[in-house]
Amino acid sequence: MNRTAFVSVFAALLIGGPALAQQKPSPATVEAYVKSTFGKASPEWQARIAPDDSLTVCNVTRNNASSAESDAIIKRELARVAYPADGKLLGDWKKGYAVANNGRGGQFSDPPGTVAGGNCFACHQLDPKEVSYGTLGPSLAAYGRDRKYDADAMKDAYTKIYNSMAVVPCSNMPRFGSNKVLDEQQIKDVMAYLFDPESPVNK
């Protein structure tokens, strides 16, 4: 959708009032508009805005996938999870805090070499002493302590961070590992922030 078409649609919504505004645009209209907003992005970014199979299902069903579709999403996304070859899931919790607190990266306007962060505080409480955090996701305070630092719980958490849809179909949480937002070491460090007994998360 070009700018003129978008203005026309917007004007129609204004003229038509609330009844017309409540009508949902077609998937094709939404896709065309999204593509137009990334018109100056690099070819790499153009490819990234195309939804994969799992996201397509979530978009079409408005995040209300059927049981069969949900099972297919989990199976497909679990196959994309790569666990550390050395078997170690925990890194450095201090570095994990830096990753969790970093909201930079992931924009096509970022200069080359920009290190992306997880921006975890935008959605979660982590360190109970932090006063600024989002509430879109659940509180993660005392995360490791509450789970008694259990090995299975650690693997589950690594899976969720690496690819949230491998655990919850149509999850709002980014697929940090599968979509290469965070690398393996960054995920290990965030895991340590959640599970290391010395981390302020567990104090």
C-alpha atoms as a PDB file:
ATOM      1  CA  MET A   1       0.000   0.000   0.000  1.00  0.00           C
ATOM      2  CA  ASN A   2       1.462   3.364  -1.023  1.00  0.00           C
ATOM      3  CA  ARG A   3       1.025   6.571   0.956  1.00  0.00           C
ATOM      4  CA  THR A   4      -1.927   7.727  -1.151  1.00  0.00           C
ATOM      5  CA  ALA A   5      -3.772   4.447  -0.653  1.00  0.00           C
ATOM      6  CA  PHE A   6      -3.089   4.515   3.072  1.00  0.00           C
ATOM      7  CA  VAL A   7      -4.403   8.082   3.354  1.00  0.00           C
ATOM      8  CA  SER A   8      -7.528   7.034   1.454  1.00  0.00           C
ATOM      9  CA  VAL A   9      -8.164   4.123   3.807  1.00  0.00           C
ATOM     10  CA  PHE A  10      -7.584   6.332   6.845  1.00  0.00           C
ATOM     11  CA  ALA A  11      -9.958   8.984   5.482  1.00  0.00           C
ATOM     12  CA  ALA A  12     -12.602   6.342   4.852  1.00  0.00           C
ATOM     13  CA  LEU A  13     -12.334   5.220   8.442  1.00  0.00           C
ATOM     14  CA  LEU A  14     -12.820   8.776   9.659  1.00  0.00           C
ATOM     15  CA  ILE A  15     -15.808   9.397   7.407  1.00  0.00           C
ATOM     16  CA  GLY A  16     -17.372   6.010   8.095  1.00  0.00           C
ATOM     17  CA  GLY A  17     -17.214   6.505  11.825  1.00  0.00           C
ATOM     18  CA  PRO A  18     -16.918   3.829  14.544  1.00  0.00           C
ATOM     19  CA  ALA A  19     -18.850   1.167  12.628  1.00  0.00           C
ATOM     20  CA  LEU A  20     -16.398   1.201   9.722  1.00  0.00           C
ATOM     21  CA  ALA A  21     -13.391   1.631  11.984  1.00  0.00           C
ATOM     22  CA  GLN A  22     -14.266  -1.626  13.746  1.00  0.00           C
ATOM     23  CA  GLN A  23     -14.023  -3.572  10.487  1.00  0.00           C
ATOM     24  CA  LYS A  24     -10.808  -5.560  10.346  1.00  0.00           C
ATOM     25  CA  PRO A  25      -8.564  -5.019   7.334  1.00  0.00           C
ATOM     26  CA  SER A  26      -7.802  -8.035   5.186  1.00  0.00           C
ATOM     27  CA  PRO A  27      -4.492  -9.868   5.728  1.00  0.00           C
ATOM     28  CA  ALA A  28      -3.411  -8.737   2.250  1.00  0.00           C
ATOM     29  CA  THR A  29      -3.991  -5.076   3.176  1.00  0.00           C
ATOM     30  CA  VAL A  30      -2.005  -5.438   6.384  1.00  0.00           C
ATOM     31  CA  GLU A  31       0.838  -7.248   4.595  1.00  0.00           C
ATOM     32  CA  ALA A  32       1.015  -4.605   1.876  1.00  0.00           C
ATOM     33  CA  TYR A  33       1.125  -1.809   4.435  1.00  0.00           C
ATOM     34  CA  VAL A  34       3.852  -3.494   6.497  1.00  0.00           C
ATOM     35  CA  LYS A  35       5.969  -4.004   3.387  1.00  0.00           C
ATOM     36  CA  SER A  36       5.537  -0.356   2.427  1.00  0.00           C
ATOM     37  CA  THR A  37       6.791   0.843   5.818  1.00  0.00           C
ATOM     38  CA  PHE A  38      10.033  -1.094   5.300  1.00  0.00           C
ATOM     39  CA  GLY A  39      10.519   0.149   1.743  1.00  0.00           C
ATOM     40  CA  LYS A  40      13.975   1.604   2.444  1.00  0.00           C
ATOM     41  CA  ALA A  41      15.235  -1.369   4.434  1.00  0.00           C
ATOM     42  CA  SER A  42      17.970  -3.649   3.137  1.00  0.00           C
ATOM     43  CA  PRO A  43      17.058  -6.904   1.315  1.00  0.00           C
ATOM     44  CA  GLU A  44      17.979  -8.790   4.500  1.00  0.00           C
ATOM     45  CA  TRP A  45      15.376  -6.832   6.446  1.00  0.00           C
ATOM     46  CA  GLN A  46      12.821  -7.194   3.666  1.00  0.00           C
ATOM     47  CA  ALA A  47      13.167 -10.964   4.050  1.00  0.00           C
ATOM     48  CA  ARG A  48      12.775 -10.727   7.833  1.00  0.00           C
ATOM     49  CA  ILE A  49       9.330  -9.147   7.694  1.00  0.00           C
ATOM     50  CA  ALA A  50       7.916 -12.199   5.896  1.00  0.00           C
ATOM     51  CA  PRO A  51       6.196 -14.354   8.563  1.00  0.00           C
ATOM     52  CA  ASP A  52       7.344 -17.960   8.899  1.00  0.00           C
ATOM     53  CA  ASP A  53       4.921 -20.896   9.057  1.00  0.00           C
ATOM     54  CA  SER A  54       4.301 -20.602  12.802  1.00  0.00           C
ATOM     55  CA  LEU A  55       3.786 -16.848  12.795  1.00  0.00           C
ATOM     56  CA  THR A  56       1.495 -17.154   9.780  1.00  0.00           C
ATOM     57  CA  VAL A  57      -0.794 -19.483  11.740  1.00  0.00           C
ATOM     58  CA  CYS A  58      -0.768 -17.100  14.716  1.00  0.00           C
ATOM     59  CA  ASN A  59      -1.596 -14.133  12.485  1.00  0.00           C
ATOM     60  CA  VAL A  60      -4.438 -15.872  10.668  1.00  0.00           C
ATOM     61  CA  THR A  61      -5.982 -17.211  13.883  1.00  0.00           C
ATOM     62  CA  ARG A  62      -5.252 -13.993  15.823  1.00  0.00           C
ATOM     63  CA  ASN A  63      -3.161 -15.988  18.316  1.00  0.00           C
ATOM     64  CA  ASN A  64      -5.974 -18.473  18.867  1.00  0.00           C
ATOM     65  CA  ALA A  65      -4.548 -21.524  17.117  1.00  0.00           C
ATOM     66  CA  SER A  66      -6.432 -24.807  17.342  1.00  0.00           C
ATOM     67  CA  SER A  67      -5.066 -27.715  19.362  1.00  0.00           C
ATOM     68  CA  ALA A  68      -3.753 -29.369  16.216  1.00  0.00           C
ATOM     69  CA  GLU A  69      -2.177 -26.142  14.989  1.00  0.00           C
ATOM     70  CA  SER A  70      -0.638 -25.517  18.424  1.00  0.00           C
ATOM     71  CA  ASP A  71       0.856 -29.013  18.501  1.00  0.00           C
ATOM     72  CA  ALA A  72       2.329 -28.448  15.044  1.00  0.00           C
ATOM     73  CA  ILE A  73       3.827 -25.114  16.115  1.00  0.00           C
ATOM     74  CA  ILE A  74       5.478 -26.639  19.194  1.00  0.00           C
ATOM     75  CA  LYS A  75       6.885 -29.551  17.178  1.00  0.00           C
ATOM     76  CA  ARG A  76       8.215 -27.236  14.468  1.00  0.00           C
ATOM     77  CA  GLU A  77       9.731 -24.720  16.872  1.00  0.00           C
ATOM     78  CA  LEU A  78      11.281 -27.329  19.191  1.00  0.00           C
ATOM     79  CA  ALA A  79      13.205 -28.602  16.189  1.00  0.00           C
ATOM     80  CA  ARG A  80      14.759 -25.139  15.863  1.00  0.00           C
ATOM     81  CA  VAL A  81      16.101 -25.018  19.430  1.00  0.00           C
ATOM     82  CA  ALA A  82      19.871 -25.502  19.650  1.00  0.00           C
ATOM     83  CA  TYR A  83      21.214 -26.343  23.102  1.00  0.00           C
ATOM     84  CA  PRO A  84      24.847 -25.573  24.009  1.00  0.00           C
ATOM     85  CA  ALA A  85      27.244 -28.252  22.760  1.00  0.00           C
ATOM     86  CA  ASP A  86      29.164 -28.121  26.047  1.00  0.00           C
ATOM     87  CA  GLY A  87      25.980 -28.901  28.010  1.00  0.00           C
ATOM     88  CA  LYS A  88      26.404 -25.792  30.175  1.00  0.00           C
ATOM     89  CA  LEU A  89      23.341 -23.568  30.416  1.00  0.00           C
ATOM     90  CA  LEU A  90      24.647 -20.919  32.808  1.00  0.00           C
ATOM     91  CA  GLY A  91      27.122 -18.162  32.071  1.00  0.00           C
ATOM     92  CA  ASP A  92      27.950 -14.996  34.028  1.00  0.00           C
ATOM     93  CA  TRP A  93      24.994 -13.433  35.859  1.00  0.00           C
ATOM     94  CA  LYS A  94      26.585  -9.976  35.848  1.00  0.00           C
ATOM     95  CA  LYS A  95      26.825 -10.064  32.074  1.00  0.00           C
ATOM     96  CA  GLY A  96      23.297 -11.473  32.053  1.00  0.00           C
ATOM     97  CA  TYR A  97      22.047  -8.381  33.851  1.00  0.00           C
ATOM     98  CA  ALA A  98      23.631  -6.219  31.146  1.00  0.00           C
ATOM     99  CA  VAL A  99      21.898  -8.245  28.417  1.00  0.00           C
ATOM    100  CA  ALA A 100      18.554  -8.131  30.236  1.00  0.00           C
ATOM    101  CA  ASN A 101      18.840  -4.379  30.723  1.00  0.00           C
ATOM    102  CA  ASN A 102      19.951  -3.595  27.158  1.00  0.00           C
ATOM    103  CA  GLY A 103      17.175  -2.458  24.833  1.00  0.00           C
ATOM    104  CA  ARG A 104      19.486  -1.619  21.911  1.00  0.00           C
ATOM    105  CA  GLY A 105      19.773  -3.456  18.633  1.00  0.00           C
ATOM    106  CA  GLY A 106      17.357  -5.172  16.298  1.00  0.00           C
ATOM    107  CA  GLN A 107      16.579  -2.102  14.167  1.00  0.00           C
ATOM    108  CA  PHE A 108      17.667  -1.670  10.569  1.00  0.00           C
ATOM    109  CA  SER A 109      18.793   1.850  11.447  1.00  0.00           C
ATOM    110  CA  ASP A 110      21.336   0.558  14.005  1.00  0.00           C
ATOM    111  CA  PRO A 111      24.965   1.166  13.020  1.00  0.00           C
ATOM    112  CA  PRO A 112      27.037  -1.898  12.121  1.00  0.00           C
ATOM    113  CA  GLY A 113      28.335  -3.754  15.153  1.00  0.00           C
ATOM    114  CA  THR A 114      25.496  -2.745  17.486  1.00  0.00           C
ATOM    115  CA  VAL A 115      25.126  -5.493  20.089  1.00  0.00           C
ATOM    116  CA  ALA A 116      21.479  -6.379  20.656  1.00  0.00           C
ATOM    117  CA  GLY A 117      20.110  -6.898  24.126  1.00  0.00           C
ATOM    118  CA  GLY A 118      17.165  -8.840  25.472  1.00  0.00           C
ATOM    119  CA  ASN A 119      15.360  -5.807  26.935  1.00  0.00           C
ATOM    120  CA  CYS A 120      13.890  -8.229  29.503  1.00  0.00           C
ATOM    121  CA  PHE A 121      12.965  -5.475  31.964  1.00  0.00           C
ATOM    122  CA  ALA A 122      10.515  -4.092  29.403  1.00  0.00           C
ATOM    123  CA  CYS A 123       8.187  -7.023  30.147  1.00  0.00           C
ATOM    124  CA  HIS A 124       9.349  -8.610  33.421  1.00  0.00           C
ATOM    125  CA  GLN A 125      10.322  -7.854  36.971  1.00  0.00           C
ATOM    126  CA  LEU A 126      13.660  -9.547  37.680  1.00  0.00           C
ATOM    127  CA  ASP A 127      15.781  -8.067  40.474  1.00  0.00           C
ATOM    128  CA  PRO A 128      13.199  -7.160  43.156  1.00  0.00           C
ATOM    129  CA  LYS A 129      15.192  -4.014  43.976  1.00  0.00           C
ATOM    130  CA  GLU A 130      14.766  -2.618  40.459  1.00  0.00           C
ATOM    131  CA  VAL A 131      11.963  -0.058  40.425  1.00  0.00           C
ATOM    132  CA  SER A 132      11.447   0.170  36.669  1.00  0.00           C
ATOM    133  CA  TYR A 133      10.071  -2.848  34.832  1.00  0.00           C
ATOM    134  CA  GLY A 134       7.202  -3.930  32.609  1.00  0.00           C
ATOM    135  CA  THR A 135       4.253  -6.116  33.509  1.00  0.00           C
ATOM    136  CA  LEU A 136       3.380  -7.652  30.146  1.00  0.00           C
ATOM    137  CA  GLY A 137       5.110 -10.832  31.298  1.00  0.00           C
ATOM    138  CA  PRO A 138       5.117 -12.470  34.737  1.00  0.00           C
ATOM    139  CA  SER A 139       7.490 -11.484  37.508  1.00  0.00           C
ATOM    140  CA  LEU A 140      10.727 -13.478  37.385  1.00  0.00           C
ATOM    141  CA  ALA A 141      11.927 -12.423  40.848  1.00  0.00           C
ATOM    142  CA  ALA A 142      13.377 -15.387  42.782  1.00  0.00           C
ATOM    143  CA  TYR A 143      13.068 -17.432  39.586  1.00  0.00           C
ATOM    144  CA  GLY A 144      15.869 -19.911  40.264  1.00  0.00           C
ATOM    145  CA  ARG A 145      15.338 -20.034  44.017  1.00  0.00           C
ATOM    146  CA  ASP A 146      11.639 -20.823  43.655  1.00  0.00           C
ATOM    147  CA  ARG A 147      12.534 -23.706  41.340  1.00  0.00           C
ATOM    148  CA  LYS A 148      15.238 -24.948  43.716  1.00  0.00           C
ATOM    149  CA  TYR A 149      17.793 -24.471  40.912  1.00  0.00           C
ATOM    150  CA  ASP A 150      16.435 -27.641  39.295  1.00  0.00           C
ATOM    151  CA  ALA A 151      18.243 -28.864  36.151  1.00  0.00           C
ATOM    152  CA  ASP A 152      15.010 -29.623  34.281  1.00  0.00           C
ATOM    153  CA  ALA A 153      13.673 -26.161  35.111  1.00  0.00           C
ATOM    154  CA  MET A 154      16.895 -24.678  33.720  1.00  0.00           C
ATOM    155  CA  LYS A 155      16.494 -26.556  30.455  1.00  0.00           C
ATOM    156  CA  ASP A 156      12.862 -25.461  30.203  1.00  0.00           C
ATOM    157  CA  ALA A 157      13.871 -21.832  30.746  1.00  0.00           C
ATOM    158  CA  TYR A 158      16.649 -22.074  28.139  1.00  0.00           C
ATOM    159  CA  THR A 159      14.126 -23.485  25.663  1.00  0.00           C
ATOM    160  CA  LYS A 160      11.684 -20.655  26.373  1.00  0.00           C
ATOM    161  CA  ILE A 161      14.327 -17.949  25.939  1.00  0.00           C
ATOM    162  CA  TYR A 162      15.761 -19.548  22.814  1.00  0.00           C
ATOM    163  CA  ASN A 163      12.373 -20.090  21.190  1.00  0.00           C
ATOM    164  CA  SER A 164       9.279 -19.134  23.149  1.00  0.00           C
ATOM    165  CA  MET A 165       6.921 -20.757  20.641  1.00  0.00           C
ATOM    166  CA  ALA A 166       8.515 -24.120  21.372  1.00  0.00           C
ATOM    167  CA  VAL A 167       6.800 -23.833  24.760  1.00  0.00           C
ATOM    168  CA  VAL A 168       3.801 -21.537  24.233  1.00  0.00           C
ATOM    169  CA  PRO A 169       2.352 -21.360  20.703  1.00  0.00           C
ATOM    170  CA  CYS A 170       1.843 -17.767  19.526  1.00  0.00           C
ATOM    171  CA  SER A 171       3.749 -16.457  22.546  1.00  0.00           C
ATOM    172  CA  ASN A 172       4.282 -12.693  22.690  1.00  0.00           C
ATOM    173  CA  MET A 173       7.852 -13.281  23.844  1.00  0.00           C
ATOM    174  CA  PRO A 174      10.533 -12.894  21.151  1.00  0.00           C
ATOM    175  CA  ARG A 175      12.238 -16.026  19.848  1.00  0.00           C
ATOM    176  CA  PHE A 176      15.653 -14.755  20.898  1.00  0.00           C
ATOM    177  CA  GLY A 177      17.806 -17.667  19.758  1.00  0.00           C
ATOM    178  CA  SER A 178      15.910 -18.902  16.717  1.00  0.00           C
ATOM    179  CA  ASN A 179      15.693 -15.382  15.310  1.00  0.00           C
ATOM    180  CA  LYS A 180      19.336 -14.635  16.186  1.00  0.00           C
ATOM    181  CA  VAL A 181      18.518 -11.685  18.436  1.00  0.00           C
ATOM    182  CA  LEU A 182      20.824 -13.088  21.139  1.00  0.00           C
ATOM    183  CA  ASP A 183      23.729 -15.467  20.673  1.00  0.00           C
ATOM    184  CA  GLU A 184      24.352 -18.583  22.748  1.00  0.00           C
ATOM    185  CA  GLN A 185      26.625 -16.870  25.263  1.00  0.00           C
ATOM    186  CA  GLN A 186      24.154 -14.041  25.823  1.00  0.00           C
ATOM    187  CA  ILE A 187      21.392 -16.555  26.506  1.00  0.00           C
ATOM    188  CA  LYS A 188      23.662 -18.416  28.938  1.00  0.00           C
ATOM    189  CA  ASP A 189      24.378 -15.166  30.740  1.00  0.00           C
ATOM    190  CA  VAL A 190      20.659 -14.331  31.012  1.00  0.00           C
ATOM    191  CA  MET A 191      20.107 -17.861  32.306  1.00  0.00           C
ATOM    192  CA  ALA A 192      22.712 -17.216  34.993  1.00  0.00           C
ATOM    193  CA  TYR A 193      20.946 -13.985  35.922  1.00  0.00           C
ATOM    194  CA  LEU A 194      17.808 -16.081  36.465  1.00  0.00           C
ATOM    195  CA  PHE A 195      19.359 -19.131  38.140  1.00  0.00           C
ATOM    196  CA  ASP A 196      22.667 -18.268  39.802  1.00  0.00           C
ATOM    197  CA  PRO A 197      22.145 -18.248  43.596  1.00  0.00           C
ATOM    198  CA  GLU A 198      24.384 -15.169  43.759  1.00  0.00           C
ATOM    199  CA  SER A 199      22.268 -13.238  41.268  1.00  0.00           C
ATOM    200  CA  PRO A 200      20.178 -10.410  42.789  1.00  0.00           C
ATOM    201  CA  VAL A 201      17.169 -12.070  41.156  1.00  0.00           C
ATOM    202  CA  ASN A 202      17.426 -14.798  43.800  1.00  0.00           C
ATOM    203  CA  LYS A 203      18.225 -12.642  46.829  1.00  0.00           C
END
